[in-house]
């Protein structure tokens, strides 16, 4: 990607990568966000992906922050991504989950809460592509 941009080839506007509380991919995110081309970063599997959402949604740190803000664990995870400058498009066909997923703009995590969730990184990748 960096080579393509440097040679004048079509500039990507978005890079989609697996990013969630347990696989934060911080170096890649920081690198993309530092590029002068202003390429957006989007989380693939922001809630951990198929078969992996349970442990993340039941995580003690995430649950504590959800309770503090009167939000669900999923909302806290999505908000954490957004505050890290990472776009999220969680998939759901459940109307209640869809409403919940878009109701993440009426609260903000504190710097300490962001740091606590950032400390959950396990470099635990759930999909291989």
N, C-alpha and C. Protein backbone atom coordinates (compact mmCIF):
# COMPACT_ATOMS: atom_id res chain seq x y z
N UNK A 1 0.82 -1.17 0.00
CA UNK A 1 0.00 0.00 0.00
C UNK A 1 0.87 1.24 0.00
N UNK A 2 1.88 1.28 0.86
CA UNK A 2 2.76 2.45 0.93
C UNK A 2 3.46 2.65 -0.40
N UNK A 3 3.92 1.55 -1.02
CA UNK A 3 4.58 1.62 -2.32
C UNK A 3 3.63 2.16 -3.39
N UNK A 4 2.39 1.69 -3.36
CA UNK A 4 1.40 2.14 -4.35
C UNK A 4 1.16 3.64 -4.24
N UNK A 5 1.04 4.14 -3.02
CA UNK A 5 0.81 5.57 -2.82
C UNK A 5 2.04 6.36 -3.26
N UNK A 6 3.23 5.88 -2.90
CA UNK A 6 4.48 6.58 -3.24
C UNK A 6 4.70 6.66 -4.74
N UNK A 7 4.25 5.68 -5.49
CA UNK A 7 4.46 5.67 -6.93
C UNK A 7 3.35 6.39 -7.70
N UNK A 8 2.41 6.96 -6.97
CA UNK A 8 1.35 7.72 -7.63
C UNK A 8 0.17 6.88 -8.07
N UNK A 9 0.19 5.61 -7.73
CA UNK A 9 -0.93 4.74 -8.06
C UNK A 9 -2.14 5.22 -7.28
N UNK A 10 -3.30 4.76 -7.59
CA UNK A 10 -4.53 5.17 -6.90
C UNK A 10 -4.36 5.16 -5.39
N UNK A 11 -4.76 6.24 -4.76
CA UNK A 11 -4.64 6.35 -3.31
C UNK A 11 -5.85 5.70 -2.64
N UNK A 12 -5.61 4.76 -1.73
CA UNK A 12 -6.74 4.21 -0.99
C UNK A 12 -7.30 5.27 -0.05
N UNK A 13 -8.58 5.22 0.20
CA UNK A 13 -9.20 6.16 1.13
C UNK A 13 -9.51 5.48 2.46
N UNK A 14 -9.46 4.14 2.48
CA UNK A 14 -9.80 3.41 3.67
C UNK A 14 -9.03 2.10 3.72
N UNK A 15 -8.53 1.77 4.89
CA UNK A 15 -7.90 0.48 5.12
C UNK A 15 -8.74 -0.23 6.18
N UNK A 16 -9.23 -1.41 5.84
CA UNK A 16 -10.04 -2.20 6.77
C UNK A 16 -9.16 -3.31 7.33
N UNK A 17 -9.10 -3.40 8.66
CA UNK A 17 -8.23 -4.38 9.29
C UNK A 17 -8.92 -4.91 10.54
N UNK A 18 -8.58 -6.13 10.93
CA UNK A 18 -9.14 -6.66 12.17
C UNK A 18 -8.60 -5.84 13.34
N UNK A 19 -9.50 -5.20 14.04
CA UNK A 19 -9.14 -4.38 15.20
C UNK A 19 -10.26 -4.53 16.23
N UNK A 20 -9.89 -4.96 17.41
CA UNK A 20 -10.83 -5.03 18.53
C UNK A 20 -10.02 -5.00 19.82
N UNK A 21 -10.70 -5.03 20.94
CA UNK A 21 -10.03 -4.89 22.24
C UNK A 21 -8.93 -5.91 22.46
N UNK A 22 -9.08 -7.10 21.90
CA UNK A 22 -8.09 -8.15 22.11
C UNK A 22 -7.04 -8.22 21.00
N UNK A 23 -7.26 -7.51 19.90
CA UNK A 23 -6.28 -7.44 18.80
C UNK A 23 -6.29 -6.00 18.30
N UNK A 24 -5.52 -5.15 18.95
CA UNK A 24 -5.59 -3.72 18.70
C UNK A 24 -4.73 -3.25 17.54
N UNK A 25 -3.75 -4.04 17.15
CA UNK A 25 -2.95 -3.74 15.96
C UNK A 25 -2.46 -2.28 15.98
N UNK A 26 -1.99 -1.85 17.15
CA UNK A 26 -1.66 -0.44 17.38
C UNK A 26 -0.62 0.12 16.41
N UNK A 27 0.42 -0.66 16.11
CA UNK A 27 1.46 -0.15 15.21
C UNK A 27 0.91 0.13 13.82
N UNK A 28 0.08 -0.77 13.32
CA UNK A 28 -0.51 -0.58 11.99
C UNK A 28 -1.45 0.62 11.99
N UNK A 29 -2.29 0.72 13.01
CA UNK A 29 -3.24 1.84 13.09
C UNK A 29 -2.48 3.16 13.16
N UNK A 30 -1.49 3.24 14.05
CA UNK A 30 -0.70 4.48 14.17
C UNK A 30 -0.03 4.85 12.85
N UNK A 31 0.53 3.84 12.18
CA UNK A 31 1.21 4.10 10.91
C UNK A 31 0.24 4.67 9.87
N UNK A 32 -0.89 4.01 9.71
CA UNK A 32 -1.87 4.48 8.71
C UNK A 32 -2.35 5.88 9.07
N UNK A 33 -2.63 6.12 10.34
CA UNK A 33 -3.13 7.43 10.76
C UNK A 33 -2.07 8.52 10.62
N UNK A 34 -0.80 8.14 10.56
CA UNK A 34 0.27 9.14 10.44
C UNK A 34 0.59 9.49 8.99
N UNK A 35 0.07 8.74 8.05
CA UNK A 35 0.37 9.00 6.64
C UNK A 35 -0.20 10.35 6.20
N UNK A 36 0.53 11.08 5.38
CA UNK A 36 0.03 12.39 4.93
C UNK A 36 -1.19 12.27 4.02
N UNK A 37 -1.47 11.08 3.50
CA UNK A 37 -2.60 10.90 2.58
C UNK A 37 -3.95 10.86 3.28
N UNK A 38 -3.97 10.88 4.60
CA UNK A 38 -5.24 10.88 5.36
C UNK A 38 -6.14 9.70 5.00
N UNK A 39 -5.63 8.51 5.18
CA UNK A 39 -6.37 7.29 4.90
C UNK A 39 -7.11 6.87 6.17
N UNK A 40 -8.40 6.60 6.06
CA UNK A 40 -9.20 6.19 7.21
C UNK A 40 -8.90 4.74 7.57
N UNK A 41 -9.03 4.44 8.85
CA UNK A 41 -8.87 3.07 9.35
C UNK A 41 -10.24 2.59 9.80
N UNK A 42 -10.61 1.40 9.35
CA UNK A 42 -11.90 0.82 9.74
C UNK A 42 -11.67 -0.52 10.41
N UNK A 43 -12.38 -0.76 11.48
CA UNK A 43 -12.26 -2.01 12.21
C UNK A 43 -13.09 -3.11 11.55
N UNK A 44 -12.42 -4.21 11.27
CA UNK A 44 -13.09 -5.43 10.82
C UNK A 44 -13.27 -6.25 12.09
N UNK A 45 -14.45 -6.70 12.38
CA UNK A 45 -14.77 -7.44 13.60
C UNK A 45 -14.54 -6.59 14.86
N UNK A 46 -15.15 -5.42 14.96
CA UNK A 46 -14.92 -4.59 16.15
C UNK A 46 -15.36 -5.24 17.46
N UNK A 47 -16.25 -6.23 17.38
CA UNK A 47 -16.70 -6.92 18.59
C UNK A 47 -16.08 -8.31 18.72
N UNK A 48 -15.03 -8.57 17.95
CA UNK A 48 -14.30 -9.82 18.09
C UNK A 48 -14.55 -10.86 17.02
N UNK A 49 -15.63 -10.73 16.28
CA UNK A 49 -15.89 -11.68 15.19
C UNK A 49 -16.72 -12.87 15.64
N UNK A 50 -17.20 -13.59 14.66
CA UNK A 50 -18.07 -14.75 14.91
C UNK A 50 -17.40 -15.74 15.86
N UNK A 51 -18.12 -16.09 16.90
CA UNK A 51 -17.62 -17.07 17.85
C UNK A 51 -16.71 -16.49 18.92
N UNK A 52 -16.39 -15.21 18.83
CA UNK A 52 -15.45 -14.61 19.79
C UNK A 52 -16.04 -13.43 20.54
N UNK A 53 -17.28 -13.09 20.28
CA UNK A 53 -17.86 -11.91 20.93
C UNK A 53 -18.12 -12.13 22.42
N UNK A 54 -18.48 -13.33 22.80
CA UNK A 54 -18.83 -13.61 24.20
C UNK A 54 -17.77 -13.19 25.21
N UNK A 55 -16.54 -13.68 25.06
CA UNK A 55 -15.51 -13.30 26.03
C UNK A 55 -15.28 -11.79 26.10
N UNK A 56 -15.34 -11.13 24.97
CA UNK A 56 -15.11 -9.69 24.96
C UNK A 56 -16.28 -8.95 25.62
N UNK A 57 -17.50 -9.33 25.28
CA UNK A 57 -18.67 -8.66 25.84
C UNK A 57 -18.83 -8.94 27.33
N UNK A 58 -18.23 -10.02 27.81
CA UNK A 58 -18.29 -10.36 29.23
C UNK A 58 -17.03 -9.97 29.99
N UNK A 59 -16.14 -9.24 29.34
CA UNK A 59 -14.90 -8.82 29.99
C UNK A 59 -15.21 -7.88 31.16
N UNK A 60 -14.54 -8.09 32.27
CA UNK A 60 -14.78 -7.31 33.49
C UNK A 60 -14.53 -5.82 33.29
N UNK A 61 -13.43 -5.46 32.63
CA UNK A 61 -13.09 -4.05 32.41
C UNK A 61 -14.14 -3.37 31.53
N UNK A 62 -14.52 -4.04 30.47
CA UNK A 62 -15.52 -3.48 29.57
C UNK A 62 -16.87 -3.37 30.28
N UNK A 63 -17.23 -4.41 31.02
CA UNK A 63 -18.49 -4.41 31.76
C UNK A 63 -18.56 -3.30 32.80
N UNK A 64 -17.46 -3.07 33.49
CA UNK A 64 -17.41 -2.00 34.50
C UNK A 64 -17.67 -0.64 33.86
N UNK A 65 -17.05 -0.41 32.70
CA UNK A 65 -17.25 0.86 32.00
C UNK A 65 -18.65 0.98 31.42
N UNK A 66 -19.20 -0.13 30.96
CA UNK A 66 -20.57 -0.12 30.44
C UNK A 66 -21.54 0.27 31.54
N UNK A 67 -21.37 -0.33 32.69
CA UNK A 67 -22.26 -0.03 33.82
C UNK A 67 -22.13 1.44 34.24
N UNK A 68 -20.91 1.92 34.29
CA UNK A 68 -20.66 3.31 34.70
C UNK A 68 -21.38 4.31 33.78
N UNK A 69 -21.42 4.00 32.48
CA UNK A 69 -22.01 4.92 31.50
C UNK A 69 -23.46 4.58 31.17
N UNK A 70 -24.00 3.51 31.74
CA UNK A 70 -25.37 3.10 31.42
C UNK A 70 -25.49 2.62 29.99
N UNK A 71 -24.45 1.95 29.51
CA UNK A 71 -24.40 1.45 28.14
C UNK A 71 -24.14 -0.05 28.14
N UNK A 72 -24.26 -0.67 26.99
CA UNK A 72 -23.94 -2.09 26.87
C UNK A 72 -22.43 -2.25 26.65
N UNK A 73 -21.89 -3.43 26.91
CA UNK A 73 -20.48 -3.66 26.60
C UNK A 73 -20.15 -3.41 25.12
N UNK A 74 -21.06 -3.79 24.22
CA UNK A 74 -20.82 -3.55 22.79
C UNK A 74 -20.68 -2.06 22.51
N UNK A 75 -21.52 -1.25 23.13
CA UNK A 75 -21.44 0.20 22.92
C UNK A 75 -20.11 0.76 23.42
N UNK A 76 -19.63 0.26 24.53
CA UNK A 76 -18.34 0.72 25.07
C UNK A 76 -17.21 0.36 24.11
N UNK A 77 -17.24 -0.86 23.59
CA UNK A 77 -16.20 -1.29 22.65
C UNK A 77 -16.22 -0.43 21.39
N UNK A 78 -17.40 -0.20 20.84
CA UNK A 78 -17.50 0.62 19.63
C UNK A 78 -17.05 2.05 19.90
N UNK A 79 -17.42 2.58 21.05
CA UNK A 79 -17.00 3.95 21.41
C UNK A 79 -15.49 4.03 21.57
N UNK A 80 -14.89 3.01 22.16
CA UNK A 80 -13.43 2.95 22.33
C UNK A 80 -12.74 3.02 20.97
N UNK A 81 -13.25 2.25 20.00
CA UNK A 81 -12.69 2.30 18.65
C UNK A 81 -12.79 3.71 18.08
N UNK A 82 -13.97 4.30 18.15
CA UNK A 82 -14.17 5.65 17.59
C UNK A 82 -13.23 6.67 18.23
N UNK A 83 -13.07 6.60 19.53
CA UNK A 83 -12.18 7.55 20.20
C UNK A 83 -10.71 7.31 19.86
N UNK A 84 -10.41 6.13 19.33
CA UNK A 84 -9.07 5.85 18.83
C UNK A 84 -8.92 6.24 17.36
N UNK A 85 -9.95 6.85 16.79
CA UNK A 85 -9.90 7.28 15.40
C UNK A 85 -10.15 6.16 14.41
N UNK A 86 -10.78 5.09 14.86
CA UNK A 86 -11.05 3.92 14.03
C UNK A 86 -12.55 3.85 13.74
N UNK A 87 -12.92 3.84 12.47
CA UNK A 87 -14.32 3.72 12.07
C UNK A 87 -14.81 2.30 12.32
N UNK A 88 -16.08 2.18 12.65
CA UNK A 88 -16.66 0.86 12.90
C UNK A 88 -17.96 0.71 12.12
N UNK A 89 -18.18 -0.48 11.60
CA UNK A 89 -19.46 -0.82 10.98
C UNK A 89 -19.81 -2.22 11.47
N UNK A 90 -20.39 -2.29 12.67
CA UNK A 90 -20.75 -3.61 13.18
C UNK A 90 -21.94 -4.16 12.41
N UNK A 91 -21.88 -5.42 12.08
CA UNK A 91 -22.97 -6.03 11.33
C UNK A 91 -24.02 -6.61 12.26
N UNK A 92 -25.27 -6.40 11.91
CA UNK A 92 -26.37 -7.01 12.66
C UNK A 92 -27.64 -6.92 11.83
N UNK A 93 -28.48 -7.93 11.96
CA UNK A 93 -29.80 -7.86 11.34
C UNK A 93 -30.87 -7.72 12.43
N UNK A 94 -30.43 -7.70 13.68
CA UNK A 94 -31.32 -7.56 14.82
C UNK A 94 -31.62 -6.07 15.04
N UNK A 95 -32.89 -5.64 14.89
CA UNK A 95 -33.21 -4.21 15.02
C UNK A 95 -32.75 -3.59 16.35
N UNK A 96 -32.85 -4.33 17.44
CA UNK A 96 -32.42 -3.80 18.74
C UNK A 96 -30.90 -3.59 18.76
N UNK A 97 -30.15 -4.53 18.21
CA UNK A 97 -28.69 -4.37 18.15
C UNK A 97 -28.30 -3.20 17.24
N UNK A 98 -29.02 -3.04 16.15
CA UNK A 98 -28.73 -1.92 15.24
C UNK A 98 -28.95 -0.59 15.97
N UNK A 99 -30.07 -0.47 16.68
CA UNK A 99 -30.32 0.76 17.46
C UNK A 99 -29.22 0.97 18.50
N UNK A 100 -28.84 -0.10 19.16
CA UNK A 100 -27.78 -0.02 20.18
C UNK A 100 -26.46 0.40 19.55
N UNK A 101 -26.14 -0.17 18.40
CA UNK A 101 -24.87 0.13 17.74
C UNK A 101 -24.73 1.58 17.31
N UNK A 102 -25.84 2.24 17.02
CA UNK A 102 -25.73 3.65 16.60
C UNK A 102 -25.87 4.61 17.78
N UNK A 103 -26.19 4.09 18.94
CA UNK A 103 -26.36 4.95 20.13
C UNK A 103 -25.05 5.03 20.92
N UNK A 104 -24.00 5.46 20.24
CA UNK A 104 -22.69 5.53 20.88
C UNK A 104 -22.10 6.95 20.85
N UNK A 105 -22.93 7.90 20.48
CA UNK A 105 -22.43 9.28 20.34
C UNK A 105 -22.86 10.19 21.49
N UNK A 106 -23.52 9.62 22.48
CA UNK A 106 -24.00 10.45 23.60
C UNK A 106 -23.19 10.23 24.88
N UNK A 107 -22.02 9.64 24.76
CA UNK A 107 -21.14 9.49 25.91
C UNK A 107 -19.70 9.44 25.41
N UNK A 108 -18.78 9.64 26.33
CA UNK A 108 -17.36 9.60 25.99
C UNK A 108 -16.61 8.88 27.10
N UNK A 109 -15.67 8.05 26.70
CA UNK A 109 -14.82 7.37 27.68
C UNK A 109 -13.73 8.32 28.14
N UNK A 110 -13.39 8.25 29.41
CA UNK A 110 -12.33 9.10 29.95
C UNK A 110 -10.97 8.58 29.49
N UNK A 111 -9.92 9.39 29.60
CA UNK A 111 -8.58 8.89 29.26
C UNK A 111 -8.20 7.63 30.06
N UNK A 112 -8.58 7.57 31.33
CA UNK A 112 -8.28 6.37 32.13
C UNK A 112 -9.04 5.15 31.63
N UNK A 113 -10.30 5.34 31.24
CA UNK A 113 -11.09 4.23 30.70
C UNK A 113 -10.50 3.76 29.37
N UNK A 114 -10.09 4.70 28.55
CA UNK A 114 -9.46 4.35 27.27
C UNK A 114 -8.19 3.52 27.52
N UNK A 115 -7.42 3.95 28.50
CA UNK A 115 -6.18 3.24 28.84
C UNK A 115 -6.47 1.84 29.37
N UNK A 116 -7.49 1.72 30.22
CA UNK A 116 -7.86 0.40 30.77
C UNK A 116 -8.26 -0.56 29.66
N UNK A 117 -9.08 -0.10 28.73
CA UNK A 117 -9.49 -0.97 27.61
C UNK A 117 -8.30 -1.24 26.71
N UNK A 118 -7.45 -0.24 26.50
CA UNK A 118 -6.23 -0.44 25.72
C UNK A 118 -5.33 -1.50 26.32
N UNK A 119 -5.41 -1.68 27.64
CA UNK A 119 -4.61 -2.69 28.32
C UNK A 119 -5.11 -4.11 28.12
N UNK A 120 -6.23 -4.28 27.44
CA UNK A 120 -6.78 -5.62 27.19
C UNK A 120 -6.14 -6.31 25.99
N UNK A 121 -5.31 -5.61 25.25
CA UNK A 121 -4.72 -6.16 24.04
C UNK A 121 -4.00 -7.48 24.33
N UNK A 122 -4.31 -8.50 23.56
CA UNK A 122 -3.68 -9.83 23.69
C UNK A 122 -3.01 -10.24 22.38
N UNK A 123 -3.05 -9.37 21.38
CA UNK A 123 -2.60 -9.73 20.03
C UNK A 123 -3.30 -11.01 19.58
N UNK A 124 -4.58 -11.12 19.91
CA UNK A 124 -5.40 -12.30 19.64
C UNK A 124 -6.21 -12.10 18.37
N UNK A 125 -5.65 -12.54 17.26
CA UNK A 125 -6.29 -12.39 15.96
C UNK A 125 -7.33 -13.50 15.79
N UNK A 126 -8.52 -13.14 15.33
CA UNK A 126 -9.61 -14.10 15.20
C UNK A 126 -9.92 -14.49 13.76
N UNK A 127 -9.29 -13.85 12.82
CA UNK A 127 -9.55 -14.19 11.41
C UNK A 127 -8.22 -14.15 10.67
N UNK A 128 -8.07 -15.00 9.72
CA UNK A 128 -6.84 -15.05 8.92
C UNK A 128 -7.20 -14.84 7.47
N UNK A 129 -6.62 -13.84 6.88
CA UNK A 129 -6.90 -13.50 5.49
C UNK A 129 -5.64 -13.10 4.79
